[in-house]
Amino acid sequence: MTLHSKFSARLLSSLSDNFQFQNFQFLQIRSTTKGGRDKPNATKSVSRSSKAGLQFPVGRIARFLKAGKYAERVGAGAPVYLSAVLEYLAAEVGNAARDNKKIQLAVRNDEELSKLLGAVTIANGGVLPNIHQTLLPKKSGKGKAEIGSASQEF
């Protein structure tokens, strides 16, 4: 008999004597293949976006910067900074579009965004409502009272 079998038989007999178990089946003792080593405490991976407190994906932007051959090497802070700038611009356009209900109207009515996105075509953006000055009806500077009291005398 091995040590494990003696230990389990002795433990089983003491349990049955003390607690009067009926039909108690003892589980087999498993031997580990790792020599008793447990798994190391694995920590959950934290994304660079969450470390920076951003919603935009820092890892994806880093991959695009590297694949785009903008430079031979890309620093660790460059994709974080770029994703922060893109997130800020998206928030600005979104806040402006919330008031005007349309992205095209929001961008063109905002002076800074219009200057930044002046040469950009927004897909399905439509056109800004604009009527040429010559097509507008002429405004008369005189009120109704003056029209009725006009005379031809000099």
Protein backbone atom coordinates (compact mmCIF):
# COMPACT_ATOMS: atom_id res chain seq x y z
CA MET A 1 0.00 0.00 0.00
CA THR A 2 1.16 3.47 -0.83
CA LEU A 3 0.99 6.44 1.47
CA HIS A 4 -2.04 7.87 -0.37
CA SER A 5 -4.08 4.69 -0.09
CA LYS A 6 -3.25 4.28 3.63
CA PHE A 7 -4.13 7.91 4.28
CA SER A 8 -7.42 7.71 2.45
CA ALA A 9 -8.44 4.42 4.12
CA ARG A 10 -7.62 5.80 7.58
CA LEU A 11 -9.47 9.06 6.83
CA LEU A 12 -12.48 7.18 5.47
CA SER A 13 -12.70 4.95 8.53
CA SER A 14 -12.44 7.89 10.92
CA LEU A 15 -15.11 9.83 9.03
CA SER A 16 -17.48 6.89 8.97
CA ASP A 17 -16.94 6.25 12.69
CA ASN A 18 -17.44 9.86 13.74
CA PHE A 19 -20.30 10.96 11.49
CA GLN A 20 -22.08 7.71 10.58
CA PHE A 21 -22.12 8.37 6.82
CA GLN A 22 -24.16 5.94 4.78
CA ASN A 23 -23.10 5.08 1.20
CA PHE A 24 -20.20 7.54 1.44
CA GLN A 25 -17.99 7.35 -1.61
CA PHE A 26 -14.56 8.84 -1.29
CA LEU A 27 -13.12 10.68 -4.27
CA GLN A 28 -9.87 9.44 -5.67
CA ILE A 29 -6.82 11.54 -4.98
CA ARG A 30 -5.50 12.91 -8.27
CA SER A 31 -1.85 13.24 -8.91
CA THR A 32 -0.83 16.42 -10.70
CA THR A 33 1.43 16.30 -13.69
CA LYS A 34 3.02 19.61 -12.77
CA GLY A 35 4.51 18.43 -9.52
CA GLY A 36 2.09 20.40 -7.37
CA ARG A 37 2.67 23.77 -8.98
CA ASP A 38 -0.38 25.98 -9.34
CA LYS A 39 -1.08 28.30 -12.21
CA PRO A 40 0.48 31.71 -11.70
CA ASN A 41 -1.94 34.46 -10.85
CA ALA A 42 -2.80 35.69 -14.32
CA THR A 43 -3.75 39.36 -14.41
CA LYS A 44 -6.26 40.63 -16.92
CA SER A 45 -4.64 42.58 -19.74
CA VAL A 46 -5.41 46.30 -19.80
CA SER A 47 -5.62 48.08 -23.13
CA ARG A 48 -3.63 51.20 -23.85
CA SER A 49 -6.88 53.03 -24.55
CA SER A 50 -8.19 52.35 -21.06
CA LYS A 51 -4.83 53.30 -19.53
CA ALA A 52 -5.03 56.65 -21.31
CA GLY A 53 -8.74 57.04 -20.53
CA LEU A 54 -9.74 57.11 -24.19
CA GLN A 55 -12.51 55.53 -26.22
CA PHE A 56 -10.63 55.50 -29.52
CA PRO A 57 -8.40 52.43 -30.11
CA VAL A 58 -4.75 53.25 -29.44
CA GLY A 59 -3.50 49.85 -30.63
CA ARG A 60 -5.28 50.08 -33.96
CA ILE A 61 -3.97 53.60 -34.58
CA ALA A 62 -0.46 52.41 -33.72
CA ARG A 63 -0.83 49.57 -36.21
CA PHE A 64 -2.00 52.00 -38.91
CA LEU A 65 0.89 54.37 -38.20
CA LYS A 66 3.39 51.54 -38.52
CA ALA A 67 1.81 50.06 -41.64
CA GLY A 68 1.42 53.44 -43.32
CA LYS A 69 5.17 54.03 -43.49
CA TYR A 70 4.85 57.58 -42.17
CA ALA A 71 8.18 57.09 -40.44
CA GLU A 72 10.69 54.31 -39.90
CA ARG A 73 9.80 54.08 -36.24
CA VAL A 74 6.75 55.14 -34.25
CA GLY A 75 7.14 56.19 -30.62
CA ALA A 76 4.98 54.84 -27.82
CA GLY A 77 3.26 58.17 -27.16
CA ALA A 78 2.42 59.03 -30.77
CA PRO A 79 -0.63 56.76 -31.20
CA VAL A 80 -1.96 57.79 -27.77
CA TYR A 81 -1.70 61.47 -28.67
CA LEU A 82 -3.22 60.94 -32.12
CA SER A 83 -6.15 58.95 -30.76
CA ALA A 84 -6.77 61.65 -28.13
CA VAL A 85 -6.85 64.31 -30.86
CA LEU A 86 -9.20 62.24 -33.03
CA GLU A 87 -11.51 61.58 -30.08
CA TYR A 88 -11.60 65.30 -29.26
CA LEU A 89 -12.43 66.25 -32.85
CA ALA A 90 -15.14 63.60 -33.05
CA ALA A 91 -16.66 64.94 -29.82
CA GLU A 92 -16.57 68.53 -31.14
CA VAL A 93 -18.29 67.60 -34.40
CA GLY A 94 -20.80 65.44 -32.52
CA ASN A 95 -21.68 68.23 -30.09
CA ALA A 96 -22.08 70.71 -32.93
CA ALA A 97 -24.21 68.25 -34.92
CA ARG A 98 -26.47 67.68 -31.92
CA ASP A 99 -27.58 71.32 -32.10
CA ASN A 100 -27.93 71.54 -35.88
CA LYS A 101 -29.14 67.94 -36.43
CA LYS A 102 -26.90 67.56 -39.50
CA ILE A 103 -23.13 67.16 -39.66
CA GLN A 104 -22.76 69.30 -42.78
CA LEU A 105 -24.72 72.19 -41.27
CA ALA A 106 -22.85 71.89 -37.99
CA VAL A 107 -19.42 71.95 -39.60
CA ARG A 108 -20.15 74.80 -42.01
CA ASN A 109 -21.86 76.98 -39.39
CA ASP A 110 -18.98 76.62 -36.91
CA GLU A 111 -16.12 78.95 -37.79
CA GLU A 112 -13.23 76.80 -36.50
CA LEU A 113 -14.58 73.51 -37.83
CA SER A 114 -15.35 75.13 -41.19
CA LYS A 115 -11.77 76.35 -41.44
CA LEU A 116 -10.38 72.94 -40.46
CA LEU A 117 -12.67 70.95 -42.77
CA GLY A 118 -12.93 73.53 -45.55
CA ALA A 119 -11.74 71.23 -48.35
CA VAL A 120 -13.54 68.15 -47.01
CA THR A 121 -16.57 66.69 -48.76
CA ILE A 122 -19.03 65.11 -46.33
CA ALA A 123 -20.81 62.16 -47.93
CA ASN A 124 -24.57 62.73 -48.28
CA GLY A 125 -24.08 66.08 -46.60
CA GLY A 126 -26.32 68.02 -48.96
CA VAL A 127 -25.86 71.73 -49.56
CA LEU A 128 -26.10 74.70 -47.28
CA PRO A 129 -29.26 76.75 -47.67
CA ASN A 130 -28.11 79.84 -49.54
CA ILE A 131 -30.07 82.31 -51.65
CA HIS A 132 -28.11 84.83 -53.69
CA GLN A 133 -28.64 88.45 -52.66
CA THR A 134 -29.89 89.55 -56.08
CA LEU A 135 -32.68 86.99 -55.95
CA LEU A 136 -34.02 88.23 -52.61
CA PRO A 137 -36.87 90.79 -52.62
CA LYS A 138 -35.68 94.36 -52.18
CA LYS A 139 -36.25 95.85 -48.77
CA SER A 140 -37.74 99.32 -48.83
CA GLY A 141 -36.41 101.63 -46.17
CA LYS A 142 -39.75 103.41 -45.86
CA GLY A 143 -42.61 102.21 -43.68
CA LYS A 144 -46.35 102.08 -44.54
CA ALA A 145 -47.04 105.57 -43.22
CA GLU A 146 -44.52 107.14 -45.55
CA ILE A 147 -45.85 105.30 -48.61
CA GLY A 148 -49.35 106.76 -48.16
CA SER A 149 -48.12 110.31 -47.50
CA ALA A 150 -45.78 110.51 -50.43
CA SER A 151 -46.41 113.49 -52.62
CA GLN A 152 -45.12 114.61 -55.95
CA GLU A 153 -44.81 118.24 -54.98
CA PHE A 154 -41.47 119.94 -54.93
